[in-house]
PDB file of N, CA and C in Angstrom:
ATOM      1  N   MET A   1     179.079  43.771  72.738  1.00  0.00           N
ATOM      2  CA  MET A   1     179.997  44.887  72.662  1.00  0.00           C
ATOM      3  C   MET A   1     179.310  46.042  71.928  1.00  0.00           C
ATOM      4  N   GLN A   2     179.612  47.241  72.376  1.00  0.00           N
ATOM      5  CA  GLN A   2     178.978  48.428  71.801  1.00  0.00           C
ATOM      6  C   GLN A   2     179.678  48.801  70.494  1.00  0.00           C
ATOM      7  N   ARG A   3     178.866  49.063  69.487  1.00  0.00           N
ATOM      8  CA  ARG A   3     179.475  49.416  68.203  1.00  0.00           C
ATOM      9  C   ARG A   3     179.867  50.887  68.197  1.00  0.00           C
ATOM     10  N   ARG A   4     180.857  51.202  67.414  1.00  0.00           N
ATOM     11  CA  ARG A   4     181.323  52.586  67.300  1.00  0.00           C
ATOM     12  C   ARG A   4     180.383  53.375  66.411  1.00  0.00           C
ATOM     13  N   LEU A   5     180.214  54.651  66.783  1.00  0.00           N
ATOM     14  CA  LEU A   5     179.351  55.526  65.991  1.00  0.00           C
ATOM     15  C   LEU A   5     180.144  56.102  64.828  1.00  0.00           C
ATOM     16  N   ASN A   6     179.483  56.201  63.692  1.00  0.00           N
ATOM     17  CA  ASN A   6     180.181  56.821  62.566  1.00  0.00           C
ATOM     18  C   ASN A   6     180.117  58.342  62.710  1.00  0.00           C
ATOM     19  N   LYS A   7     180.743  59.024  61.814  1.00  0.00           N
ATOM     20  CA  LYS A   7     180.880  60.476  61.913  1.00  0.00           C
ATOM     21  C   LYS A   7     179.526  61.182  61.894  1.00  0.00           C
ATOM     22  N   ALA A   8     178.620  60.747  61.056  1.00  0.00           N
ATOM     23  CA  ALA A   8     177.304  61.389  60.949  1.00  0.00           C
ATOM     24  C   ALA A   8     176.506  61.215  62.244  1.00  0.00           C
ATOM     25  N   GLU A   9     176.595  60.033  62.856  1.00  0.00           N
ATOM     26  CA  GLU A   9     175.869  59.786  64.113  1.00  0.00           C
ATOM     27  C   GLU A   9     176.432  60.634  65.258  1.00  0.00           C
ATOM     28  N   ARG A  10     177.748  60.721  65.314  1.00  0.00           N
ATOM     29  CA  ARG A  10     178.376  61.571  66.346  1.00  0.00           C
ATOM     30  C   ARG A  10     177.976  63.026  66.169  1.00  0.00           C
ATOM     31  N   GLN A  11     177.942  63.465  64.929  1.00  0.00           N
ATOM     32  CA  GLN A  11     177.558  64.844  64.631  1.00  0.00           C
ATOM     33  C   GLN A  11     176.102  65.097  65.026  1.00  0.00           C
ATOM     34  N   LEU A  12     175.227  64.122  64.765  1.00  0.00           N
ATOM     35  CA  LEU A  12     173.821  64.244  65.133  1.00  0.00           C
ATOM     36  C   LEU A  12     173.666  64.334  66.654  1.00  0.00           C
ATOM     37  N   LEU A  13     174.373  63.483  67.400  1.00  0.00           N
ATOM     38  CA  LEU A  13     174.300  63.531  68.868  1.00  0.00           C
ATOM     39  C   LEU A  13     174.787  64.876  69.405  1.00  0.00           C
ATOM     40  N   LYS A  14     175.848  65.375  68.803  1.00  0.00           N
ATOM     41  CA  LYS A  14     176.394  66.669  69.227  1.00  0.00           C
ATOM     42  C   LYS A  14     175.387  67.792  68.977  1.00  0.00           C
ATOM     43  N   LEU A  15     174.738  67.770  67.822  1.00  0.00           N
ATOM     44  CA  LEU A  15     173.737  68.792  67.500  1.00  0.00           C
ATOM     45  C   LEU A  15     172.508  68.675  68.400  1.00  0.00           C
ATOM     46  N   GLN A  16     172.101  67.454  68.734  1.00  0.00           N
ATOM     47  CA  GLN A  16     170.957  67.270  69.633  1.00  0.00           C
ATOM     48  C   GLN A  16     171.272  67.795  71.032  1.00  0.00           C
ATOM     49  N   LYS A  17     172.479  67.530  71.502  1.00  0.00           N
ATOM     50  CA  LYS A  17     172.885  68.035  72.824  1.00  0.00           C
ATOM     51  C   LYS A  17     172.921  69.566  72.819  1.00  0.00           C
ATOM     52  N   TYR A  18     173.483  70.141  71.764  1.00  0.00           N
ATOM     53  CA  TYR A  18     173.556  71.600  71.649  1.00  0.00           C
ATOM     54  C   TYR A  18     172.156  72.208  71.568  1.00  0.00           C
ATOM     55  N   ASN A  19     171.258  71.549  70.849  1.00  0.00           N
ATOM     56  CA  ASN A  19     169.880  72.009  70.715  1.00  0.00           C
ATOM     57  C   ASN A  19     169.177  71.997  72.073  1.00  0.00           C
ATOM     58  N   SER A  20     169.389  70.953  72.866  1.00  0.00           N
ATOM     59  CA  SER A  20     168.748  70.900  74.194  1.00  0.00           C
ATOM     60  C   SER A  20     169.312  71.984  75.116  1.00  0.00           C
ATOM     61  N   GLN A  21     170.614  72.274  75.006  1.00  0.00           N
ATOM     62  CA  GLN A  21     171.195  73.361  75.806  1.00  0.00           C
ATOM     63  C   GLN A  21     170.571  74.699  75.425  1.00  0.00           C
ATOM     64  N   LEU A  22     170.388  74.925  74.138  1.00  0.00           N
ATOM     65  CA  LEU A  22     169.773  76.175  73.686  1.00  0.00           C
ATOM     66  C   LEU A  22     168.322  76.279  74.151  1.00  0.00           C
ATOM     67  N   ARG A  23     167.592  75.164  74.142  1.00  0.00           N
ATOM     68  CA  ARG A  23     166.208  75.172  74.627  1.00  0.00           C
ATOM     69  C   ARG A  23     166.154  75.513  76.120  1.00  0.00           C
ATOM     70  N   ASN A  24     167.095  74.961  76.901  1.00  0.00           N
ATOM     71  CA  ASN A  24     167.145  75.274  78.338  1.00  0.00           C
ATOM     72  C   ASN A  24     167.440  76.749  78.573  1.00  0.00           C
ATOM     73  N   GLU A  25     168.344  77.317  77.786  1.00  0.00           N
ATOM     74  CA  GLU A  25     168.648  78.743  77.916  1.00  0.00           C
ATOM     75  C   GLU A  25     167.459  79.605  77.515  1.00  0.00           C
ATOM     76  N   LEU A  26     166.690  79.144  76.539  1.00  0.00           N
ATOM     77  CA  LEU A  26     165.521  79.890  76.086  1.00  0.00           C
ATOM     78  C   LEU A  26     164.438  79.940  77.162  1.00  0.00           C
ATOM     79  N   LYS A  27     164.373  78.914  78.001  1.00  0.00           N
ATOM     80  CA  LYS A  27     163.370  78.864  79.071  1.00  0.00           C
ATOM     81  C   LYS A  27     163.696  79.808  80.230  1.00  0.00           C
ATOM     82  N   MET A  28     164.958  80.250  80.333  1.00  0.00           N
ATOM     83  CA  MET A  28     165.358  81.132  81.441  1.00  0.00           C
ATOM     84  C   MET A  28     164.637  82.469  81.353  1.00  0.00           C
ATOM     85  N   GLN A  29     164.263  82.977  82.524  1.00  0.00           N
ATOM     86  CA  GLN A  29     163.609  84.285  82.576  1.00  0.00           C
ATOM     87  C   GLN A  29     164.660  85.373  82.362  1.00  0.00           C
ATOM     88  N   ARG A  30     164.346  86.331  81.521  1.00  0.00           N
ATOM     89  CA  ARG A  30     165.283  87.418  81.239  1.00  0.00           C
ATOM     90  C   ARG A  30     164.603  88.747  81.504  1.00  0.00           C
ATOM     91  N   ILE A  31     165.427  89.737  81.913  1.00  0.00           N
ATOM     92  CA  ILE A  31     164.918  91.095  82.095  1.00  0.00           C
ATOM     93  C   ILE A  31     165.865  92.041  81.371  1.00  0.00           C
ATOM     94  N   HIS A  32     165.382  93.236  81.098  1.00  0.00           N
ATOM     95  CA  HIS A  32     166.202  94.242  80.428  1.00  0.00           C
ATOM     96  C   HIS A  32     167.272  94.760  81.393  1.00  0.00           C
ATOM     97  N   VAL A  33     168.383  95.212  80.836  1.00  0.00           N
ATOM     98  CA  VAL A  33     169.481  95.737  81.642  1.00  0.00           C
ATOM     99  C   VAL A  33     169.030  96.950  82.442  1.00  0.00           C
ATOM    100  N   SER A  34     168.206  97.800  81.860  1.00  0.00           N
ATOM    101  CA  SER A  34     167.740  98.994  82.570  1.00  0.00           C
ATOM    102  C   SER A  34     166.910  98.602  83.790  1.00  0.00           C
ATOM    103  N   GLU A  35     166.094  97.562  83.653  1.00  0.00           N
ATOM    104  CA  GLU A  35     165.288  97.097  84.785  1.00  0.00           C
ATOM    105  C   GLU A  35     166.181  96.519  85.887  1.00  0.00           C
ATOM    106  N   ALA A  36     167.198  95.752  85.495  1.00  0.00           N
ATOM    107  CA  ALA A  36     168.131  95.192  86.472  1.00  0.00           C
ATOM    108  C   ALA A  36     168.913  96.304  87.166  1.00  0.00           C
ATOM    109  N   SER A  37     169.325  97.322  86.412  1.00  0.00           N
ATOM    110  CA  SER A  37     170.066  98.448  86.993  1.00  0.00           C
ATOM    111  C   SER A  37     169.209  99.209  87.990  1.00  0.00           C
ATOM    112  N   ASN A  38     167.955  99.470  87.625  1.00  0.00           N
ATOM    113  CA  ASN A  38     167.055 100.171  88.551  1.00  0.00           C
ATOM    114  C   ASN A  38     166.824  99.363  89.817  1.00  0.00           C
ATOM    115  N   SER A  39     166.691  98.062  89.677  1.00  0.00           N
ATOM    116  CA  SER A  39     166.494  97.197  90.837  1.00  0.00           C
ATOM    117  C   SER A  39     167.723  97.223  91.748  1.00  0.00           C
ATOM    118  N   LEU A  40     168.909  97.191  91.150  1.00  0.00           N
ATOM    119  CA  LEU A  40     170.146  97.231  91.928  1.00  0.00           C
ATOM    120  C   LEU A  40     170.322  98.576  92.624  1.00  0.00           C
ATOM    121  N   ILE A  41     170.028  99.667  91.938  1.00  0.00           N
ATOM    122  CA  ILE A  41     170.126 101.005  92.532  1.00  0.00           C
ATOM    123  C   ILE A  41     169.150 101.139  93.689  1.00  0.00           C
ATOM    124  N   GLU A  42     167.936 100.643  93.513  1.00  0.00           N
ATOM    125  CA  GLU A  42     166.929 100.714  94.575  1.00  0.00           C
ATOM    126  C   GLU A  42     167.367  99.905  95.798  1.00  0.00           C
ATOM    127  N   TYR A  43     167.914  98.721  95.568  1.00  0.00           N
ATOM    128  CA  TYR A  43     168.374  97.889  96.680  1.00  0.00           C
ATOM    129  C   TYR A  43     169.514  98.576  97.436  1.00  0.00           C
ATOM    130  N   CYS A  44     170.479  99.125  96.696  1.00  0.00           N
ATOM    131  CA  CYS A  44     171.635  99.769  97.339  1.00  0.00           C
ATOM    132  C   CYS A  44     171.231 101.024  98.101  1.00  0.00           C
ATOM    133  N   SER A  45     170.220 101.756  97.611  1.00  0.00           N
ATOM    134  CA  SER A  45     169.815 102.975  98.328  1.00  0.00           C
ATOM    135  C   SER A  45     168.965 102.675  99.548  1.00  0.00           C
ATOM    136  N   ASN A  46     168.275 101.555  99.563  1.00  0.00           N
ATOM    137  CA  ASN A  46     167.385 101.246 100.682  1.00  0.00           C
ATOM    138  C   ASN A  46     167.978 100.294 101.710  1.00  0.00           C
ATOM    139  N   THR A  47     169.117  99.687 101.416  1.00  0.00           N
ATOM    140  CA  THR A  47     169.729  98.723 102.326  1.00  0.00           C
ATOM    141  C   THR A  47     171.009  99.314 102.890  1.00  0.00           C
ATOM    142  N   ARG A  48     171.081  99.387 104.214  1.00  0.00           N
ATOM    143  CA  ARG A  48     172.285  99.924 104.855  1.00  0.00           C
ATOM    144  C   ARG A  48     173.415  98.911 104.795  1.00  0.00           C
ATOM    145  N   ASP A  49     174.598  99.391 104.457  1.00  0.00           N
ATOM    146  CA  ASP A  49     175.790  98.557 104.462  1.00  0.00           C
ATOM    147  C   ASP A  49     176.736  99.137 105.498  1.00  0.00           C
ATOM    148  N   TYR A  50     176.845  98.468 106.629  1.00  0.00           N
ATOM    149  CA  TYR A  50     177.649  98.984 107.729  1.00  0.00           C
ATOM    150  C   TYR A  50     179.142  98.860 107.466  1.00  0.00           C
ATOM    151  N   LYS A  51     179.518  98.186 106.413  1.00  0.00           N
ATOM    152  CA  LYS A  51     180.934  98.092 106.068  1.00  0.00           C
ATOM    153  C   LYS A  51     181.397  99.305 105.263  1.00  0.00           C
ATOM    154  N   VAL A  52     180.479 100.236 104.949  1.00  0.00           N
ATOM    155  CA  VAL A  52     180.821 101.468 104.245  1.00  0.00           C
ATOM    156  C   VAL A  52     180.409 102.641 105.131  1.00  0.00           C
ATOM    157  N   PRO A  53     181.186 102.928 106.201  1.00  0.00           N
ATOM    158  CA  PRO A  53     180.786 103.991 107.121  1.00  0.00           C
ATOM    159  C   PRO A  53     180.861 105.379 106.511  1.00  0.00           C
ATOM    160  N   SER A  54     181.633 105.569 105.429  1.00  0.00           N
ATOM    161  CA  SER A  54     181.709 106.893 104.813  1.00  0.00           C
ATOM    162  C   SER A  54     180.371 107.297 104.202  1.00  0.00           C
ATOM    163  N   VAL A  55     179.541 106.335 103.850  1.00  0.00           N
ATOM    164  CA  VAL A  55     178.237 106.626 103.266  1.00  0.00           C
ATOM    165  C   VAL A  55     177.147 106.632 104.330  1.00  0.00           C
ATOM    166  N   TRP A  56     177.154 105.621 105.198  1.00  0.00           N
ATOM    167  CA  TRP A  56     176.052 105.428 106.136  1.00  0.00           C
ATOM    168  C   TRP A  56     176.360 105.909 107.548  1.00  0.00           C
ATOM    169  N   GLY A  57     177.588 106.327 107.812  1.00  0.00           N
ATOM    170  CA  GLY A  57     177.947 106.739 109.163  1.00  0.00           C
ATOM    171  C   GLY A  57     178.232 105.529 110.036  1.00  0.00           C
ATOM    172  N   LYS A  58     178.790 105.783 111.215  1.00  0.00           N
ATOM    173  CA  LYS A  58     179.118 104.676 112.105  1.00  0.00           C
ATOM    174  C   LYS A  58     177.844 104.109 112.715  1.00  0.00           C
ATOM    175  N   PRO A  59     177.682 102.805 112.700  1.00  0.00           N
ATOM    176  CA  PRO A  59     176.492 102.199 113.299  1.00  0.00           C
ATOM    177  C   PRO A  59     176.602 102.173 114.819  1.00  0.00           C
ATOM    178  N   GLN A  60     175.462 102.192 115.481  1.00  0.00           N
ATOM    179  CA  GLN A  60     175.466 102.082 116.940  1.00  0.00           C
ATOM    180  C   GLN A  60     175.948 100.696 117.347  1.00  0.00           C
ATOM    181  N   THR A  61     175.400  99.687 116.741  1.00  0.00           N
ATOM    182  CA  THR A  61     175.870  98.319 116.954  1.00  0.00           C
ATOM    183  C   THR A  61     176.055  97.689 115.585  1.00  0.00           C
ATOM    184  N   ASP A  62     177.175  97.035 115.413  1.00  0.00           N
ATOM    185  CA  ASP A  62     177.482  96.416 114.132  1.00  0.00           C
ATOM    186  C   ASP A  62     176.835  95.034 114.083  1.00  0.00           C
ATOM    187  N   PRO A  63     175.888  94.811 113.175  1.00  0.00           N
ATOM    188  CA  PRO A  63     175.217  93.515 113.134  1.00  0.00           C
ATOM    189  C   PRO A  63     176.115  92.388 112.632  1.00  0.00           C
ATOM    190  N   PHE A  64     177.273  92.731 112.053  1.00  0.00           N
ATOM    191  CA  PHE A  64     178.154  91.710 111.519  1.00  0.00           C
ATOM    192  C   PHE A  64     179.182  91.229 112.532  1.00  0.00           C
ATOM    193  N   VAL A  65     179.245  91.846 113.699  1.00  0.00           N
ATOM    194  CA  VAL A  65     180.223  91.465 114.710  1.00  0.00           C
ATOM    195  C   VAL A  65     179.611  90.411 115.619  1.00  0.00           C
ATOM    196  N   ASP A  66     180.337  89.341 115.817  1.00  0.00           N
ATOM    197  CA  ASP A  66     179.897  88.295 116.725  1.00  0.00           C
ATOM    198  C   ASP A  66     180.390  88.664 118.120  1.00  0.00           C
ATOM    199  N   GLU A  67     179.470  88.897 119.025  1.00  0.00           N
ATOM    200  CA  GLU A  67     179.831  89.352 120.370  1.00  0.00           C
ATOM    201  C   GLU A  67     180.599  88.280 121.140  1.00  0.00           C
ATOM    202  N   LYS A  68     180.355  87.011 120.831  1.00  0.00           N
ATOM    203  CA  LYS A  68     181.001  85.929 121.566  1.00  0.00           C
ATOM    204  C   LYS A  68     182.426  85.685 121.099  1.00  0.00           C
ATOM    205  N   ARG A  69     182.760  86.164 119.904  1.00  0.00           N
ATOM    206  CA  ARG A  69     184.082  85.910 119.343  1.00  0.00           C
ATOM    207  C   ARG A  69     185.141  86.711 120.077  1.00  0.00           C
ATOM    208  N   VAL A  70     186.222  86.079 120.436  1.00  0.00           N
ATOM    209  CA  VAL A  70     187.327  86.746 121.114  1.00  0.00           C
ATOM    210  C   VAL A  70     188.341  87.176 120.060  1.00  0.00           C
ATOM    211  N   LEU A  71     188.766  88.418 120.141  1.00  0.00           N
ATOM    212  CA  LEU A  71     189.752  88.917 119.190  1.00  0.00           C
ATOM    213  C   LEU A  71     191.118  88.310 119.486  1.00  0.00           C
ATOM    214  N   PRO A  72     191.874  87.952 118.474  1.00  0.00           N
ATOM    215  CA  PRO A  72     193.214  87.421 118.726  1.00  0.00           C
ATOM    216  C   PRO A  72     194.128  88.516 119.251  1.00  0.00           C
ATOM    217  N   LYS A  73     194.995  88.157 120.200  1.00  0.00           N
ATOM    218  CA  LYS A  73     195.870  89.144 120.796  1.00  0.00           C
ATOM    219  C   LYS A  73     197.199  89.231 120.062  1.00  0.00           C
ATOM    220  N   TYR A  74     197.599  88.182 119.376  1.00  0.00           N
ATOM    221  CA  TYR A  74     198.889  88.167 118.706  1.00  0.00           C
ATOM    222  C   TYR A  74     198.717  88.137 117.194  1.00  0.00           C
ATOM    223  N   CYS A  75     199.647  88.762 116.518  1.00  0.00           N
ATOM    224  CA  CYS A  75     199.658  88.770 115.060  1.00  0.00           C
ATOM    225  C   CYS A  75     201.027  88.270 114.629  1.00  0.00           C
ATOM    226  N   GLN A  76     201.076  87.243 113.797  1.00  0.00           N
ATOM    227  CA  GLN A  76     202.359  86.695 113.382  1.00  0.00           C
ATOM    228  C   GLN A  76     202.898  87.486 112.204  1.00  0.00           C
ATOM    229  N   LEU A  77     204.117  87.951 112.313  1.00  0.00           N
ATOM    230  CA  LEU A  77     204.781  88.654 111.220  1.00  0.00           C
ATOM    231  C   LEU A  77     205.950  87.803 110.753  1.00  0.00           C
ATOM    232  N   GLU A  78     206.046  87.570 109.460  1.00  0.00           N
ATOM    233  CA  GLU A  78     207.139  86.762 108.953  1.00  0.00           C
ATOM    234  C   GLU A  78     208.325  87.642 108.630  1.00  0.00           C
ATOM    235  N   LYS A  79     209.490  87.240 109.112  1.00  0.00           N
ATOM    236  CA  LYS A  79     210.713  87.960 108.804  1.00  0.00           C
ATOM    237  C   LYS A  79     211.296  87.450 107.494  1.00  0.00           C
ATOM    238  N   ASN A  80     211.213  86.145 107.289  1.00  0.00           N
ATOM    239  CA  ASN A  80     211.817  85.521 106.130  1.00  0.00           C
ATOM    240  C   ASN A  80     210.798  84.575 105.513  1.00  0.00           C
ATOM    241  N   LEU A  81     210.512  84.749 104.230  1.00  0.00           N
ATOM    242  CA  LEU A  81     209.521  83.890 103.581  1.00  0.00           C
ATOM    243  C   LEU A  81     210.000  82.449 103.464  1.00  0.00           C
ATOM    244  N   PHE A  82     211.314  82.262 103.425  1.00  0.00           N
ATOM    245  CA  PHE A  82     211.866  80.921 103.275  1.00  0.00           C
ATOM    246  C   PHE A  82     212.501  80.449 104.584  1.00  0.00           C
ATOM    247  N   ALA A  83     211.865  80.794 105.690  1.00  0.00           N
ATOM    248  CA  ALA A  83     212.408  80.442 106.997  1.00  0.00           C
ATOM    249  C   ALA A  83     212.357  78.939 107.202  1.00  0.00           C
ATOM    250  N   GLU A  84     213.429  78.408 107.781  1.00  0.00           N
ATOM    251  CA  GLU A  84     213.471  76.977 108.052  1.00  0.00           C
ATOM    252  C   GLU A  84     213.348  76.684 109.536  1.00  0.00           C
ATOM    253  N   THR A  85     213.562  77.670 110.371  1.00  0.00           N
ATOM    254  CA  THR A  85     213.455  77.446 111.813  1.00  0.00           C
ATOM    255  C   THR A  85     212.479  78.440 112.401  1.00  0.00           C
ATOM    256  N   ASN A  86     212.009  78.152 113.607  1.00  0.00           N
ATOM    257  CA  ASN A  86     211.074  79.049 114.277  1.00  0.00           C
ATOM    258  C   ASN A  86     211.728  80.364 114.676  1.00  0.00           C
ATOM    259  N   SER A  87     213.048  80.395 114.779  1.00  0.00           N
ATOM    260  CA  SER A  87     213.708  81.631 115.194  1.00  0.00           C
ATOM    261  C   SER A  87     213.648  82.697 114.106  1.00  0.00           C
ATOM    262  N   ASP A  88     213.272  82.322 112.906  1.00  0.00           N
ATOM    263  CA  ASP A  88     213.161  83.291 111.824  1.00  0.00           C
ATOM    264  C   ASP A  88     211.812  83.994 111.806  1.00  0.00           C
ATOM    265  N   TYR A  89     210.946  83.676 112.771  1.00  0.00           N
ATOM    266  CA  TYR A  89     209.641  84.319 112.866  1.00  0.00           C
ATOM    267  C   TYR A  89     209.597  85.214 114.094  1.00  0.00           C
ATOM    268  N   TYR A  90     208.898  86.326 113.982  1.00  0.00           N
ATOM    269  CA  TYR A  90     208.719  87.241 115.096  1.00  0.00           C
ATOM    270  C   TYR A  90     207.236  87.380 115.387  1.00  0.00           C
ATOM    271  N   TRP A  91     206.924  87.609 116.639  1.00  0.00           N
ATOM    272  CA  TRP A  91     205.548  87.863 117.046  1.00  0.00           C
ATOM    273  C   TRP A  91     205.456  89.278 117.573  1.00  0.00           C
ATOM    274  N   LEU A  92     204.406  89.971 117.212  1.00  0.00           N
ATOM    275  CA  LEU A  92     204.169  91.321 117.692  1.00  0.00           C
ATOM    276  C   LEU A  92     202.862  91.312 118.453  1.00  0.00           C
ATOM    277  N   GLU A  93     202.904  91.737 119.701  1.00  0.00           N
ATOM    278  CA  GLU A  93     201.697  91.743 120.507  1.00  0.00           C
ATOM    279  C   GLU A  93     200.939  93.031 120.238  1.00  0.00           C
ATOM    280  N   TRP A  94     199.661  92.905 119.931  1.00  0.00           N
ATOM    281  CA  TRP A  94     198.834  94.056 119.626  1.00  0.00           C
ATOM    282  C   TRP A  94     197.808  94.254 120.713  1.00  0.00           C
ATOM    283  N   ASP A  95     197.599  95.509 121.036  1.00  0.00           N
ATOM    284  CA  ASP A  95     196.566  95.868 121.994  1.00  0.00           C
ATOM    285  C   ASP A  95     195.204  95.658 121.340  1.00  0.00           C
ATOM    286  N   ILE A  96     194.159  95.503 122.130  1.00  0.00           N
ATOM    287  CA  ILE A  96     192.803  95.320 121.609  1.00  0.00           C
ATOM    288  C   ILE A  96     192.402  96.519 120.750  1.00  0.00           C
ATOM    289  N   LEU A  97     192.865  97.703 121.079  1.00  0.00           N
ATOM    290  CA  LEU A  97     192.487  98.899 120.335  1.00  0.00           C
ATOM    291  C   LEU A  97     193.246  99.041 119.025  1.00  0.00           C
ATOM    292  N   GLY A  98     194.183  98.138 118.768  1.00  0.00           N
ATOM    293  CA  GLY A  98     194.826  98.156 117.467  1.00  0.00           C
ATOM    294  C   GLY A  98     196.263  98.627 117.463  1.00  0.00           C
ATOM    295  N   GLY A  99     196.822  99.017 118.588  1.00  0.00           N
ATOM    296  CA  GLY A  99     198.199  99.474 118.599  1.00  0.00           C
ATOM    297  C   GLY A  99     199.129  98.423 119.164  1.00  0.00           C
ATOM    298  N   PRO A 100     200.414  98.508 118.840  1.00  0.00           N
ATOM    299  CA  PRO A 100     201.352  97.530 119.380  1.00  0.00           C
ATOM    300  C   PRO A 100     201.579  97.756 120.867  1.00  0.00           C
ATOM    301  N   ASP A 101     201.703  96.672 121.608  1.00  0.00           N
ATOM    302  CA  ASP A 101     201.990  96.744 123.040  1.00  0.00           C
ATOM    303  C   ASP A 101     203.502  96.701 123.202  1.00  0.00           C
ATOM    304  N   LYS A 102     204.101  97.830 123.522  1.00  0.00           N
ATOM    305  CA  LYS A 102     205.557  97.917 123.593  1.00  0.00           C
ATOM    306  C   LYS A 102     206.071  97.760 125.015  1.00  0.00           C
ATOM    307  N   SER A 103     205.243  97.248 125.906  1.00  0.00           N
ATOM    308  CA  SER A 103     205.678  97.104 127.291  1.00  0.00           C
ATOM    309  C   SER A 103     206.635  95.935 127.454  1.00  0.00           C
ATOM    310  N   ARG A 104     206.689  95.026 126.493  1.00  0.00           N
ATOM    311  CA  ARG A 104     207.500  93.832 126.614  1.00  0.00           C
ATOM    312  C   ARG A 104     208.466  93.716 125.452  1.00  0.00           C
ATOM    313  N   ASN A 105     209.740  93.788 125.665  1.00  0.00           N
ATOM    314  CA  ASN A 105     210.773  93.610 124.639  1.00  0.00           C
ATOM    315  C   ASN A 105     210.514  94.459 123.394  1.00  0.00           C
ATOM    316  N   ASN A 106     210.135  95.684 123.588  1.00  0.00           N
ATOM    317  CA  ASN A 106     209.815  96.593 122.487  1.00  0.00           C
ATOM    318  C   ASN A 106     208.729  96.033 121.576  1.00  0.00           C
ATOM    319  N   GLY A 107     207.876  95.196 122.125  1.00  0.00           N
ATOM    320  CA  GLY A 107     206.772  94.675 121.339  1.00  0.00           C
ATOM    321  C   GLY A 107     207.095  93.427 120.553  1.00  0.00           C
ATOM    322  N   TYR A 108     208.366  93.004 120.526  1.00  0.00           N
ATOM    323  CA  TYR A 108     208.739  91.836 119.741  1.00  0.00           C
ATOM    324  C   TYR A 108     209.194  90.712 120.654  1.00  0.00           C
ATOM    325  N   ASP A 109     208.752  89.517 120.353  1.00  0.00           N
ATOM    326  CA  ASP A 109     209.208  88.321 121.048  1.00  0.00           C
ATOM    327  C   ASP A 109     209.775  87.374 120.008  1.00  0.00           C
ATOM    328  N   ILE A 110     210.953  86.877 120.250  1.00  0.00           N
ATOM    329  CA  ILE A 110     211.552  85.908 119.341  1.00  0.00           C
ATOM    330  C   ILE A 110     211.195  84.527 119.849  1.00  0.00           C
ATOM    331  N   LEU A 111     210.687  83.697 118.954  1.00  0.00           N
ATOM    332  CA  LEU A 111     210.319  82.331 119.343  1.00  0.00           C
ATOM    333  C   LEU A 111     211.526  81.440 119.325  1.00  0.00           C
TER     334      LEU A 111
END
């Protein structure tokens, strides 16, 4: 059976563990904040972000769009957060260009 450690032994183990954590942190490579800031500024100025068109303008082709992915045609809108039946939910059909398709039941279908 394993004997229990007394208070001094527990304290020693705790200090040894803390000392090893501090040694590991000391081994980490560190740089000055000014150097990190300059590196970040350089990266942001030289790398185009197509999700910010106000800065970079509209891209000819968006590299983040998957051409094979099909856009969903329906968007579910909840009428009642505590709905117990399907009749409490409404569906709104949206056009691919982003507007509601009002050709059918004023755009709303009740399930």
